[in-house]
Amino acid sequence: MAATQEEITTGLAEIVNEIAGIPAEDVLADKSFTDDLDVDSLSMVEVVVAAEERFDVKIPDDDVKNLKTVGDAVDYILKNQG
């Protein structure tokens, strides 16, 4: 079953917390992965891989560069999951 927007946001927060050590409560829709959350490109790859596994979604490299904010990633996963 497809995850809801809230479940995806929570899941991404847990993933970012695990990989980059950012407190989950700081991972909000309007936050930029690189500017606000200090997720570097290597960590971003790990976040994407974990999100793909967790939400049964494929995120091609060409699309990853367009996922600037947490909200961008949530919307992408909502549209493309399962």
N, C-alpha and C. Protein backbone atom coordinates (compact mmCIF):
# COMPACT_ATOMS: atom_id res chain seq x y z
N MET A 1 0.84 -1.20 0.00
CA MET A 1 0.00 0.00 0.00
C MET A 1 0.88 1.26 0.00
N ALA A 2 0.44 2.26 -0.71
CA ALA A 2 1.21 3.48 -0.84
C ALA A 2 1.26 4.25 0.48
N ALA A 3 2.40 4.86 0.73
CA ALA A 3 2.57 5.67 1.94
C ALA A 3 1.90 7.03 1.74
N THR A 4 1.43 7.61 2.83
CA THR A 4 0.84 8.95 2.79
C THR A 4 1.94 10.00 2.84
N GLN A 5 1.57 11.23 2.57
CA GLN A 5 2.53 12.33 2.62
C GLN A 5 3.18 12.39 4.00
N GLU A 6 2.38 12.23 5.04
CA GLU A 6 2.90 12.28 6.41
C GLU A 6 3.88 11.13 6.68
N GLU A 7 3.52 9.94 6.22
CA GLU A 7 4.40 8.78 6.42
C GLU A 7 5.73 8.95 5.67
N ILE A 8 5.66 9.52 4.49
CA ILE A 8 6.88 9.75 3.71
C ILE A 8 7.75 10.79 4.39
N THR A 9 7.14 11.88 4.86
CA THR A 9 7.90 12.92 5.55
C THR A 9 8.58 12.35 6.79
N THR A 10 7.84 11.58 7.57
CA THR A 10 8.40 10.96 8.77
C THR A 10 9.51 9.99 8.41
N GLY A 11 9.28 9.18 7.39
CA GLY A 11 10.27 8.21 6.95
C GLY A 11 11.55 8.87 6.48
N LEU A 12 11.41 9.95 5.71
CA LEU A 12 12.60 10.68 5.24
C LEU A 12 13.35 11.30 6.41
N ALA A 13 12.60 11.81 7.38
CA ALA A 13 13.24 12.39 8.57
C ALA A 13 14.07 11.33 9.29
N GLU A 14 13.52 10.12 9.41
CA GLU A 14 14.25 9.03 10.06
C GLU A 14 15.49 8.64 9.27
N ILE A 15 15.35 8.60 7.94
CA ILE A 15 16.48 8.26 7.07
C ILE A 15 17.59 9.31 7.19
N VAL A 16 17.21 10.58 7.10
CA VAL A 16 18.21 11.67 7.18
C VAL A 16 18.87 11.66 8.56
N ASN A 17 18.09 11.38 9.58
CA ASN A 17 18.64 11.30 10.94
C ASN A 17 19.68 10.19 11.02
N GLU A 18 19.34 9.04 10.47
CA GLU A 18 20.22 7.87 10.51
C GLU A 18 21.53 8.12 9.74
N ILE A 19 21.41 8.71 8.55
CA ILE A 19 22.55 8.86 7.66
C ILE A 19 23.39 10.10 7.98
N ALA A 20 22.72 11.22 8.24
CA ALA A 20 23.45 12.49 8.41
C ALA A 20 23.46 12.98 9.86
N GLY A 21 22.75 12.28 10.75
CA GLY A 21 22.75 12.69 12.15
C GLY A 21 21.96 13.96 12.44
N ILE A 22 21.08 14.33 11.51
CA ILE A 22 20.25 15.51 11.70
C ILE A 22 19.04 15.12 12.55
N PRO A 23 18.71 15.88 13.60
CA PRO A 23 17.52 15.54 14.39
C PRO A 23 16.28 15.44 13.49
N ALA A 24 15.52 14.37 13.65
CA ALA A 24 14.36 14.13 12.78
C ALA A 24 13.38 15.29 12.81
N GLU A 25 13.24 15.96 13.96
CA GLU A 25 12.27 17.06 14.04
C GLU A 25 12.71 18.29 13.23
N ASP A 26 13.98 18.32 12.80
CA ASP A 26 14.46 19.42 11.97
C ASP A 26 14.22 19.18 10.48
N VAL A 27 13.86 17.95 10.13
CA VAL A 27 13.68 17.59 8.72
C VAL A 27 12.24 17.92 8.31
N LEU A 28 12.05 19.16 7.84
CA LEU A 28 10.73 19.67 7.49
C LEU A 28 10.65 19.90 5.98
N ALA A 29 9.42 19.95 5.47
CA ALA A 29 9.20 20.04 4.02
C ALA A 29 9.94 21.19 3.35
N ASP A 30 10.05 22.33 4.03
CA ASP A 30 10.65 23.50 3.37
C ASP A 30 12.17 23.55 3.52
N LYS A 31 12.75 22.54 4.16
CA LYS A 31 14.20 22.54 4.38
C LYS A 31 14.95 22.01 3.16
N SER A 32 16.01 22.72 2.79
CA SER A 32 16.89 22.27 1.71
C SER A 32 17.84 21.22 2.28
N PHE A 33 17.99 20.12 1.55
CA PHE A 33 18.89 19.06 2.00
C PHE A 33 20.32 19.59 2.20
N THR A 34 20.80 20.37 1.22
CA THR A 34 22.19 20.82 1.28
C THR A 34 22.36 22.07 2.13
N ASP A 35 21.51 23.08 1.93
CA ASP A 35 21.70 24.36 2.61
C ASP A 35 21.27 24.33 4.08
N ASP A 36 20.12 23.74 4.36
CA ASP A 36 19.59 23.76 5.73
C ASP A 36 20.01 22.56 6.56
N LEU A 37 20.10 21.40 5.92
CA LEU A 37 20.35 20.16 6.67
C LEU A 37 21.78 19.65 6.54
N ASP A 38 22.59 20.35 5.75
CA ASP A 38 24.00 19.95 5.58
C ASP A 38 24.17 18.50 5.11
N VAL A 39 23.29 18.05 4.23
CA VAL A 39 23.43 16.71 3.65
C VAL A 39 24.34 16.85 2.43
N ASP A 40 25.52 16.23 2.48
CA ASP A 40 26.43 16.35 1.34
C ASP A 40 26.02 15.36 0.24
N SER A 41 26.71 15.44 -0.91
CA SER A 41 26.28 14.64 -2.07
C SER A 41 26.37 13.14 -1.79
N LEU A 42 27.39 12.72 -1.05
CA LEU A 42 27.52 11.30 -0.72
C LEU A 42 26.38 10.84 0.18
N SER A 43 26.09 11.64 1.19
CA SER A 43 24.97 11.31 2.08
C SER A 43 23.64 11.33 1.34
N MET A 44 23.51 12.26 0.38
CA MET A 44 22.27 12.35 -0.40
C MET A 44 22.04 11.05 -1.18
N VAL A 45 23.12 10.48 -1.72
CA VAL A 45 23.01 9.20 -2.43
C VAL A 45 22.48 8.13 -1.47
N GLU A 46 23.01 8.11 -0.25
CA GLU A 46 22.54 7.13 0.74
C GLU A 46 21.08 7.37 1.11
N VAL A 47 20.70 8.64 1.25
CA VAL A 47 19.30 8.98 1.55
C VAL A 47 18.39 8.47 0.44
N VAL A 48 18.80 8.70 -0.81
CA VAL A 48 18.00 8.27 -1.96
C VAL A 48 17.85 6.75 -1.99
N VAL A 49 18.95 6.03 -1.79
CA VAL A 49 18.91 4.57 -1.80
C VAL A 49 17.99 4.05 -0.69
N ALA A 50 18.11 4.62 0.49
CA ALA A 50 17.26 4.20 1.62
C ALA A 50 15.80 4.52 1.34
N ALA A 51 15.53 5.67 0.74
CA ALA A 51 14.16 6.06 0.42
C ALA A 51 13.58 5.13 -0.65
N GLU A 52 14.41 4.77 -1.64
CA GLU A 52 13.94 3.85 -2.69
C GLU A 52 13.51 2.52 -2.08
N GLU A 53 14.33 2.01 -1.16
CA GLU A 53 14.00 0.74 -0.52
C GLU A 53 12.76 0.85 0.35
N ARG A 54 12.71 1.91 1.14
CA ARG A 54 11.62 2.06 2.10
C ARG A 54 10.27 2.30 1.43
N PHE A 55 10.27 3.07 0.35
CA PHE A 55 9.00 3.47 -0.28
C PHE A 55 8.74 2.80 -1.62
N ASP A 56 9.55 1.82 -1.98
CA ASP A 56 9.36 1.08 -3.23
C ASP A 56 9.24 2.03 -4.42
N VAL A 57 10.26 2.87 -4.55
CA VAL A 57 10.26 3.87 -5.62
C VAL A 57 11.65 3.88 -6.24
N LYS A 58 11.72 4.20 -7.53
CA LYS A 58 13.01 4.33 -8.20
C LYS A 58 13.23 5.82 -8.46
N ILE A 59 14.38 6.34 -8.03
CA ILE A 59 14.69 7.75 -8.23
C ILE A 59 15.96 7.84 -9.09
N PRO A 60 15.78 8.03 -10.40
CA PRO A 60 16.95 8.11 -11.29
C PRO A 60 17.84 9.30 -10.93
N ASP A 61 19.14 9.17 -11.22
CA ASP A 61 20.09 10.23 -10.90
C ASP A 61 19.66 11.58 -11.47
N ASP A 62 19.09 11.57 -12.67
CA ASP A 62 18.66 12.82 -13.30
C ASP A 62 17.59 13.53 -12.47
N ASP A 63 16.79 12.75 -11.74
CA ASP A 63 15.74 13.34 -10.92
C ASP A 63 16.26 13.77 -9.55
N VAL A 64 17.27 13.09 -9.05
CA VAL A 64 17.80 13.40 -7.72
C VAL A 64 18.24 14.86 -7.64
N LYS A 65 18.88 15.35 -8.70
CA LYS A 65 19.39 16.73 -8.66
C LYS A 65 18.26 17.77 -8.57
N ASN A 66 17.04 17.36 -8.89
CA ASN A 66 15.90 18.27 -8.79
C ASN A 66 15.25 18.25 -7.41
N LEU A 67 15.68 17.32 -6.57
CA LEU A 67 15.08 17.20 -5.24
C LEU A 67 15.89 18.08 -4.27
N LYS A 68 15.58 19.36 -4.28
CA LYS A 68 16.35 20.32 -3.48
C LYS A 68 15.90 20.32 -2.02
N THR A 69 14.59 20.21 -1.81
CA THR A 69 14.06 20.28 -0.44
C THR A 69 13.42 18.95 -0.05
N VAL A 70 13.18 18.83 1.24
CA VAL A 70 12.50 17.64 1.75
C VAL A 70 11.13 17.52 1.08
N GLY A 71 10.45 18.64 0.92
CA GLY A 71 9.14 18.65 0.27
C GLY A 71 9.19 18.14 -1.17
N ASP A 72 10.25 18.52 -1.90
CA ASP A 72 10.44 18.03 -3.27
C ASP A 72 10.50 16.50 -3.27
N ALA A 73 11.28 15.96 -2.33
CA ALA A 73 11.45 14.51 -2.26
C ALA A 73 10.14 13.83 -1.88
N VAL A 74 9.42 14.42 -0.93
CA VAL A 74 8.13 13.84 -0.50
C VAL A 74 7.17 13.81 -1.70
N ASP A 75 7.07 14.93 -2.42
CA ASP A 75 6.16 14.98 -3.57
C ASP A 75 6.56 13.97 -4.64
N TYR A 76 7.86 13.84 -4.90
CA TYR A 76 8.35 12.91 -5.91
C TYR A 76 7.97 11.48 -5.52
N ILE A 77 8.22 11.12 -4.26
CA ILE A 77 7.92 9.77 -3.81
C ILE A 77 6.41 9.51 -3.86
N LEU A 78 5.61 10.49 -3.45
CA LEU A 78 4.15 10.35 -3.51
C LEU A 78 3.69 10.00 -4.92
N LYS A 79 4.26 10.69 -5.92
CA LYS A 79 3.83 10.50 -7.31
C LYS A 79 4.35 9.20 -7.93
N ASN A 80 5.51 8.72 -7.44
CA ASN A 80 6.20 7.64 -8.13
C ASN A 80 6.30 6.31 -7.37
N GLN A 81 5.75 6.23 -6.18
CA GLN A 81 5.93 5.01 -5.38
C GLN A 81 5.11 3.84 -5.90
N GLY A 82 5.61 2.66 -5.57
CA GLY A 82 4.94 1.39 -5.81
C GLY A 82 4.26 1.31 -7.10
